[in-house]
Amino acid sequence: MKKFLVILFAFFYSFCFSQETDTTAVEDFSMYGEAELAGGGKRFCTSKVFDLSPNKLISIGYDYQSSYKLNLGAIGSNAGQEITTSNNYGLRVAANVPVISKTNVLLNIGATYWDNFYSFDKEAAINPLALSLQKYGLRTMGLNFTLFKPLNEKSFFILNGSGDLNGNYSFNDFQSLSYTKISATGIYGWKKHDRLMYGFGIARSYRVGEANYFPVFLYNYTFKNRKWGVETLFPAKAVLRRTFNSRTLAFFGYELEGNSYLIRNRGNEFAPGIDNLELRRGELRVRCVFERSIKDFLWVSIQAGWRYNYRFNVDEKEFFRGFGDDPYLATNKLTNPLFVNFSINLVSP
């Protein structure tokens, strides 16, 4: 696996810094949003800058992490354990469909489905969390929306919200919708010109494993030569974009990824009386991404990088920690593996 990742990084580096830029003129559909409304109506800014990565309408992918160690703390009378994963992996499916697409308002509705399964090496799992991960893995299903509302030619606001059902459930043993995790982001911003838009806002998010409220900074910028750009929603993610041509893009950056998962005592893995725990999973992914159109609006995406564990601890129940220092029920430590992610995507024009 490590040899494969080294070869993949070498290919990515070679491609990024040796490829000639394709100067073929391509129609920019985002500029249509600048057209005046019929009858000489008010003009509004669009939601994109030049060469911004295309929106993925449908994405079907596979995520794979190489071997790493888990040092799992004791839970109640159940012993802790150090155990090695041979890998963990899962399917990732997402849809993002525009339901309103007008000059003065854009509304997208989306859905996600993620699996995360764990395969352990020869050591027999005795820690209850390890047993649960081995048997059931982790699953996320969710709905989301994004509203872009331009106010005039220069300013706009963005509202994003999502509800995710996270846990060790299966379709035959579904968990209650009352455990749905709600996230939201609101941003007010300005579009200075077709290469620059930025904004400030606030977010409620589980990306670091537990509910947090923090300021956010949106910054999308394309350099004058149209070869390089920046796409940032700090602190959640930030990338440097390299545009080779209209069909080939590459990125280098990071993204915070995570959520809080309900861990039920489905098969009596935990001691009696211990149930409905919350696994606070948060990680930082530093990655290179290569994306290319293989046929019209059908694109392929390949990611490779390093996963840094930020949090993988267990709470007795769901609650807002805020700035408190309440101890976790169990504190777990993970080493940091390499990962790859491959997806096929249908993108918007």
Protein backbone atom coordinates (compact mmCIF):
# COMPACT_ATOMS: atom_id res chain seq x y z
CA MET A 1 0.00 0.00 0.00
CA LYS A 2 2.77 2.47 0.90
CA LYS A 3 4.59 1.76 -2.36
CA PHE A 4 1.38 2.45 -4.24
CA LEU A 5 0.96 5.82 -2.47
CA VAL A 6 4.57 6.82 -3.20
CA ILE A 7 4.05 6.06 -6.90
CA LEU A 8 0.77 7.99 -6.87
CA PHE A 9 2.39 11.06 -5.28
CA ALA A 10 5.26 10.90 -7.79
CA PHE A 11 2.79 10.78 -10.66
CA PHE A 12 0.86 13.71 -9.21
CA TYR A 13 4.00 15.83 -8.73
CA SER A 14 5.30 15.07 -12.20
CA PHE A 15 1.97 15.87 -13.80
CA CYS A 16 1.46 19.13 -11.92
CA PHE A 17 4.81 20.64 -12.79
CA SER A 18 5.41 19.35 -16.30
CA GLN A 19 2.01 19.64 -17.98
CA GLU A 20 1.47 22.39 -20.58
CA THR A 21 -1.56 24.61 -20.08
CA ASP A 22 -4.35 24.14 -22.59
CA THR A 23 -5.35 27.60 -23.85
CA THR A 24 -8.41 26.41 -25.76
CA ALA A 25 -11.24 28.90 -25.22
CA VAL A 26 -14.09 27.37 -23.22
CA GLU A 27 -17.44 28.97 -22.55
CA ASP A 28 -17.80 30.03 -18.90
CA PHE A 29 -21.38 29.25 -17.89
CA SER A 30 -21.08 31.19 -14.64
CA MET A 31 -20.99 34.49 -16.52
CA TYR A 32 -24.63 34.05 -17.47
CA GLY A 33 -25.53 34.90 -13.91
CA GLU A 34 -24.37 38.47 -14.57
CA ALA A 35 -26.99 39.08 -17.25
CA GLU A 36 -29.67 41.65 -16.50
CA LEU A 37 -33.17 40.48 -15.77
CA ALA A 38 -35.80 40.97 -18.45
CA GLY A 39 -37.07 44.54 -18.57
CA GLY A 40 -33.83 46.06 -17.32
CA GLY A 41 -34.19 44.67 -13.80
CA LYS A 42 -31.65 44.62 -11.01
CA ARG A 43 -28.28 42.94 -11.58
CA PHE A 44 -26.84 40.37 -9.15
CA CYS A 45 -23.46 38.77 -8.58
CA THR A 46 -22.95 35.09 -9.34
CA SER A 47 -21.90 32.37 -6.91
CA LYS A 48 -18.57 31.57 -8.60
CA VAL A 49 -15.23 33.02 -9.58
CA PHE A 50 -13.43 32.06 -12.78
CA ASP A 51 -12.11 28.46 -12.89
CA LEU A 52 -13.67 27.42 -9.58
CA SER A 53 -13.82 23.64 -9.28
CA PRO A 54 -17.11 22.31 -10.70
CA ASN A 55 -19.98 21.42 -8.42
CA LYS A 56 -20.51 17.66 -8.09
CA LEU A 57 -24.14 16.75 -8.75
CA ILE A 58 -23.62 13.03 -8.09
CA SER A 59 -20.50 11.44 -6.58
CA ILE A 60 -19.77 7.74 -5.98
CA GLY A 61 -16.47 7.03 -4.26
CA TYR A 62 -14.39 4.66 -2.17
CA ASP A 63 -12.18 5.69 0.76
CA TYR A 64 -9.26 3.57 2.05
CA GLN A 65 -6.88 4.10 4.99
CA SER A 66 -3.75 1.99 5.43
CA SER A 67 -2.70 0.20 8.63
CA TYR A 68 -2.49 2.11 11.93
CA LYS A 69 -2.68 1.46 15.67
CA LEU A 70 -5.57 2.22 18.03
CA ASN A 71 -4.83 2.60 21.73
CA LEU A 72 -8.32 2.29 23.21
CA GLY A 73 -9.04 3.29 26.80
CA ALA A 74 -11.05 1.26 29.30
CA ILE A 75 -14.83 1.73 29.35
CA GLY A 76 -16.37 0.95 32.73
CA SER A 77 -15.25 -2.52 33.79
CA ASN A 78 -14.15 -3.35 30.24
CA ALA A 79 -10.40 -3.31 29.71
CA GLY A 80 -8.53 -1.04 27.36
CA GLN A 81 -6.58 -2.48 24.44
CA GLU A 82 -3.99 -1.59 21.84
CA ILE A 83 -4.99 -3.06 18.51
CA THR A 84 -3.79 -2.67 14.92
CA THR A 85 -6.08 -2.10 11.96
CA SER A 86 -4.97 -3.69 8.72
CA ASN A 87 -7.11 -1.03 7.03
CA ASN A 88 -10.38 0.78 7.23
CA TYR A 89 -12.51 1.55 4.23
CA GLY A 90 -15.95 2.51 3.02
CA LEU A 91 -18.30 3.64 0.27
CA ARG A 92 -19.07 7.34 -0.10
CA VAL A 93 -22.09 8.52 -2.08
CA ALA A 94 -23.36 12.09 -2.38
CA ALA A 95 -25.93 13.98 -4.45
CA ASN A 96 -26.33 17.74 -4.75
CA VAL A 97 -29.19 18.93 -6.96
CA PRO A 98 -30.17 22.53 -7.79
CA VAL A 99 -33.89 22.99 -7.13
CA ILE A 100 -33.97 26.76 -7.66
CA SER A 101 -31.54 28.36 -10.11
CA LYS A 102 -32.40 31.99 -10.76
CA THR A 103 -30.38 35.14 -11.15
CA ASN A 104 -31.46 36.36 -7.73
CA VAL A 105 -31.40 33.09 -5.75
CA LEU A 106 -29.78 29.64 -5.91
CA LEU A 107 -30.91 26.69 -3.79
CA ASN A 108 -29.30 23.24 -3.79
CA ILE A 109 -30.62 20.19 -1.91
CA GLY A 110 -28.24 17.32 -1.19
CA ALA A 111 -27.90 13.91 0.43
CA THR A 112 -24.92 11.87 1.67
CA TYR A 113 -24.20 8.27 2.60
CA TRP A 114 -20.85 7.16 4.07
CA ASP A 115 -19.66 3.79 5.38
CA ASN A 116 -16.54 3.28 7.50
CA PHE A 117 -15.53 -0.34 8.22
CA TYR A 118 -12.59 -1.56 10.31
CA SER A 119 -10.46 -4.65 9.67
CA PHE A 120 -8.13 -5.64 12.52
CA ASP A 121 -4.94 -7.68 12.36
CA LYS A 122 -4.55 -11.02 14.14
CA GLU A 123 -5.03 -9.63 17.66
CA ALA A 124 -8.40 -10.66 19.09
CA ALA A 125 -10.53 -7.63 19.94
CA ILE A 126 -11.61 -7.56 23.59
CA ASN A 127 -12.23 -3.84 24.10
CA PRO A 128 -15.98 -3.19 23.62
CA LEU A 129 -15.43 -0.26 21.26
CA ALA A 130 -13.08 -2.38 19.13
CA LEU A 131 -15.67 -5.18 19.05
CA SER A 132 -18.38 -2.74 17.95
CA LEU A 133 -16.20 -1.19 15.24
CA GLN A 134 -15.25 -4.63 13.97
CA LYS A 135 -18.84 -5.90 13.82
CA TYR A 136 -20.78 -2.85 12.71
CA GLY A 137 -18.39 -0.11 11.63
CA LEU A 138 -19.68 3.48 11.43
CA ARG A 139 -22.33 4.87 9.13
CA THR A 140 -23.53 8.36 8.17
CA MET A 141 -26.69 9.32 6.29
CA GLY A 142 -27.74 12.92 5.90
CA LEU A 143 -29.64 15.65 4.08
CA ASN A 144 -28.35 19.16 3.46
CA PHE A 145 -29.11 22.40 1.66
CA THR A 146 -27.16 25.43 0.45
CA LEU A 147 -28.81 28.78 -0.26
CA PHE A 148 -26.91 31.47 -2.17
CA LYS A 149 -28.70 34.83 -2.11
CA PRO A 150 -27.07 37.73 -3.97
CA LEU A 151 -28.18 41.13 -2.68
CA ASN A 152 -26.76 43.17 -5.57
CA GLU A 153 -23.76 43.09 -7.92
CA LYS A 154 -21.22 43.09 -5.07
CA SER A 155 -22.64 41.42 -1.94
CA PHE A 156 -24.32 38.15 -1.02
CA PHE A 157 -25.06 35.79 1.80
CA ILE A 158 -24.82 32.00 2.00
CA LEU A 159 -26.79 29.75 4.33
CA ASN A 160 -25.95 26.06 4.65
CA GLY A 161 -27.56 23.46 6.87
CA SER A 162 -27.40 19.69 7.32
CA GLY A 163 -28.87 16.92 9.42
CA ASP A 164 -26.82 13.71 9.80
CA LEU A 165 -27.68 10.38 11.37
CA ASN A 166 -24.39 8.89 12.56
CA GLY A 167 -23.83 5.65 14.39
CA ASN A 168 -23.18 1.91 14.38
CA TYR A 169 -26.66 1.16 13.00
CA SER A 170 -27.63 -0.93 10.00
CA PHE A 171 -30.67 -0.81 7.73
CA ASN A 172 -32.12 -3.78 9.61
CA ASP A 173 -31.47 -2.15 12.98
CA PHE A 174 -32.01 1.56 12.36
CA GLN A 175 -31.43 4.17 15.06
CA SER A 176 -33.89 6.82 16.17
CA LEU A 177 -34.05 10.05 14.19
CA SER A 178 -33.96 11.90 17.51
CA TYR A 179 -30.16 11.41 17.41
CA THR A 180 -29.81 13.49 14.23
CA LYS A 181 -26.86 15.91 14.41
CA ILE A 182 -27.60 19.41 13.12
CA SER A 183 -24.90 21.61 11.54
CA ALA A 184 -25.29 25.08 10.02
CA THR A 185 -23.20 27.88 8.51
CA GLY A 186 -24.11 31.48 7.69
CA ILE A 187 -21.80 33.78 5.67
CA TYR A 188 -22.07 37.38 4.48
CA GLY A 189 -19.69 38.22 1.67
CA TRP A 190 -18.60 40.39 -1.21
CA LYS A 191 -17.72 39.62 -4.81
CA LYS A 192 -15.14 42.19 -5.86
CA HIS A 193 -14.78 40.91 -9.42
CA ASP A 194 -14.90 37.66 -11.43
CA ARG A 195 -11.71 36.38 -9.79
CA LEU A 196 -12.34 37.24 -6.15
CA MET A 197 -15.09 36.65 -3.62
CA TYR A 198 -14.78 36.51 0.17
CA GLY A 199 -16.97 36.55 3.25
CA PHE A 200 -17.20 36.14 7.00
CA GLY A 201 -19.65 34.13 9.07
CA ILE A 202 -20.27 31.70 11.88
CA ALA A 203 -20.75 27.93 11.93
CA ARG A 204 -22.02 25.18 14.17
CA SER A 205 -20.20 22.02 13.17
CA TYR A 206 -19.20 18.50 14.28
CA ARG A 207 -16.09 18.38 12.05
CA VAL A 208 -13.84 18.04 15.09
CA GLY A 209 -16.01 15.30 16.57
CA GLU A 210 -18.26 17.31 18.86
CA ALA A 211 -20.53 20.34 18.48
CA ASN A 212 -18.56 23.59 18.24
CA TYR A 213 -19.36 27.18 17.31
CA PHE A 214 -16.64 29.13 15.52
CA PRO A 215 -16.09 31.96 13.02
CA VAL A 216 -15.53 31.05 9.36
CA PHE A 217 -13.77 32.82 6.49
CA LEU A 218 -14.67 32.22 2.85
CA TYR A 219 -12.03 33.13 0.27
CA ASN A 220 -12.09 32.12 -3.41
CA TYR A 221 -9.49 33.75 -5.64
CA THR A 222 -8.18 33.06 -9.15
CA PHE A 223 -4.88 34.62 -10.19
CA LYS A 224 -4.68 36.77 -13.31
CA ASN A 225 -2.89 34.08 -15.32
CA ARG A 226 -5.89 31.74 -14.67
CA LYS A 227 -3.49 28.87 -13.91
CA TRP A 228 -3.64 29.07 -10.11
CA GLY A 229 -6.30 29.75 -7.54
CA VAL A 230 -7.27 29.43 -3.89
CA GLU A 231 -10.47 27.88 -2.53
CA THR A 232 -10.91 28.32 1.23
CA LEU A 233 -13.60 27.91 3.86
CA PHE A 234 -11.37 28.37 6.90
CA PRO A 235 -10.96 26.57 9.27
CA ALA A 236 -12.85 23.64 7.67
CA LYS A 237 -10.78 23.40 4.49
CA ALA A 238 -8.33 25.21 2.23
CA VAL A 239 -6.73 24.26 -1.09
CA LEU A 240 -4.37 25.68 -3.68
CA ARG A 241 -5.82 24.97 -7.13
CA ARG A 242 -3.84 24.36 -10.33
CA THR A 243 -5.82 24.64 -13.58
CA PHE A 244 -4.16 22.88 -16.50
CA ASN A 245 -7.15 23.30 -18.80
CA SER A 246 -10.94 23.23 -18.60
CA ARG A 247 -10.90 19.43 -18.20
CA THR A 248 -7.96 18.94 -15.80
CA LEU A 249 -7.49 20.30 -12.27
CA ALA A 250 -5.20 19.56 -9.33
CA PHE A 251 -5.35 20.66 -5.69
CA PHE A 252 -3.15 20.62 -2.61
CA GLY A 253 -4.50 21.42 0.83
CA TYR A 254 -6.36 20.08 3.83
CA GLU A 255 -9.86 19.38 5.15
CA LEU A 256 -11.24 18.73 8.62
CA GLU A 257 -13.53 15.72 8.63
CA GLY A 258 -15.54 14.12 11.40
CA ASN A 259 -18.77 13.80 13.36
CA SER A 260 -20.25 12.44 16.57
CA TYR A 261 -21.54 8.85 16.30
CA LEU A 262 -24.11 7.11 18.47
CA ILE A 263 -22.63 3.78 19.64
CA ARG A 264 -25.39 1.47 20.84
CA ASN A 265 -24.81 -1.76 22.75
CA ARG A 266 -26.24 -3.74 19.82
CA GLY A 267 -24.66 -7.12 20.55
CA ASN A 268 -23.86 -6.77 24.27
CA GLU A 269 -20.27 -5.76 23.50
CA PHE A 270 -20.37 -3.33 26.45
CA ALA A 271 -21.03 -4.08 30.11
CA PRO A 272 -24.67 -4.00 31.27
CA GLY A 273 -25.94 -0.48 31.81
CA ILE A 274 -23.57 1.08 29.23
CA ASP A 275 -25.45 2.11 26.11
CA ASN A 276 -25.99 5.03 23.72
CA LEU A 277 -22.42 6.31 23.92
CA GLU A 278 -21.09 9.08 21.66
CA LEU A 279 -17.88 8.49 19.69
CA ARG A 280 -16.29 11.88 18.97
CA ARG A 281 -14.39 11.33 15.73
CA GLY A 282 -12.44 14.20 14.15
CA GLU A 283 -9.47 14.13 11.78
CA LEU A 284 -7.33 16.39 9.62
CA ARG A 285 -6.67 15.22 6.06
CA VAL A 286 -3.70 16.73 4.23
CA ARG A 287 -4.02 15.70 0.60
CA CYS A 288 -3.27 16.04 -3.08
CA VAL A 289 -6.23 15.77 -5.46
CA PHE A 290 -6.24 15.20 -9.21
CA GLU A 291 -9.49 15.65 -11.15
CA ARG A 292 -10.13 15.19 -14.85
CA SER A 293 -13.10 15.04 -17.20
CA ILE A 294 -13.26 11.67 -18.92
CA LYS A 295 -16.40 12.39 -20.96
CA ASP A 296 -18.27 15.70 -21.07
CA PHE A 297 -19.60 16.25 -17.51
CA LEU A 298 -18.33 12.90 -16.18
CA TRP A 299 -15.22 13.46 -14.05
CA VAL A 300 -12.85 11.21 -12.14
CA SER A 301 -11.20 12.31 -8.87
CA ILE A 302 -8.18 10.72 -7.14
CA GLN A 303 -7.03 11.81 -3.67
CA ALA A 304 -3.97 10.73 -1.73
CA GLY A 305 -2.64 12.05 1.54
CA TRP A 306 -2.08 11.75 5.26
CA ARG A 307 -4.76 11.41 7.92
CA TYR A 308 -3.96 13.02 11.30
CA ASN A 309 -6.16 11.97 14.21
CA TYR A 310 -7.57 14.97 16.09
CA ARG A 311 -10.10 13.21 18.33
CA PHE A 312 -11.47 9.67 18.75
CA ASN A 313 -12.86 9.78 22.28
CA VAL A 314 -16.04 8.46 23.89
CA ASP A 315 -18.66 10.37 25.91
CA GLU A 316 -21.48 8.83 27.94
CA LYS A 317 -24.12 10.89 26.13
CA GLU A 318 -24.63 13.79 23.74
CA PHE A 319 -24.03 17.21 25.31
CA PHE A 320 -22.35 20.50 24.44
CA ARG A 321 -18.92 20.66 25.97
CA GLY A 322 -18.28 24.32 25.21
CA PHE A 323 -15.10 25.39 26.97
CA GLY A 324 -15.44 22.91 29.82
CA ASP A 325 -12.89 20.28 30.73
CA ASP A 326 -15.20 17.40 31.67
CA PRO A 327 -13.30 14.12 31.34
CA TYR A 328 -14.23 11.71 28.57
CA LEU A 329 -15.58 8.30 29.43
CA ALA A 330 -12.68 6.90 27.39
CA THR A 331 -9.73 8.64 25.77
CA ASN A 332 -8.38 6.88 22.68
CA LYS A 333 -5.23 7.48 20.65
CA LEU A 334 -4.73 6.64 16.98
CA THR A 335 -1.57 6.71 14.89
CA ASN A 336 -1.74 8.46 11.54
CA PRO A 337 -1.90 6.49 8.28
CA LEU A 338 -1.86 7.33 4.60
CA PHE A 339 -5.12 7.24 2.68
CA VAL A 340 -6.48 7.20 -0.86
CA ASN A 341 -9.89 8.12 -2.18
CA PHE A 342 -11.28 7.47 -5.65
CA SER A 343 -14.59 8.76 -7.04
CA ILE A 344 -16.60 9.10 -10.23
CA ASN A 345 -18.57 12.36 -10.43
CA LEU A 346 -21.27 13.94 -12.54
CA VAL A 347 -20.59 17.68 -12.40
CA SER A 348 -22.61 20.76 -13.28
CA PRO A 349 -21.74 22.71 -16.44
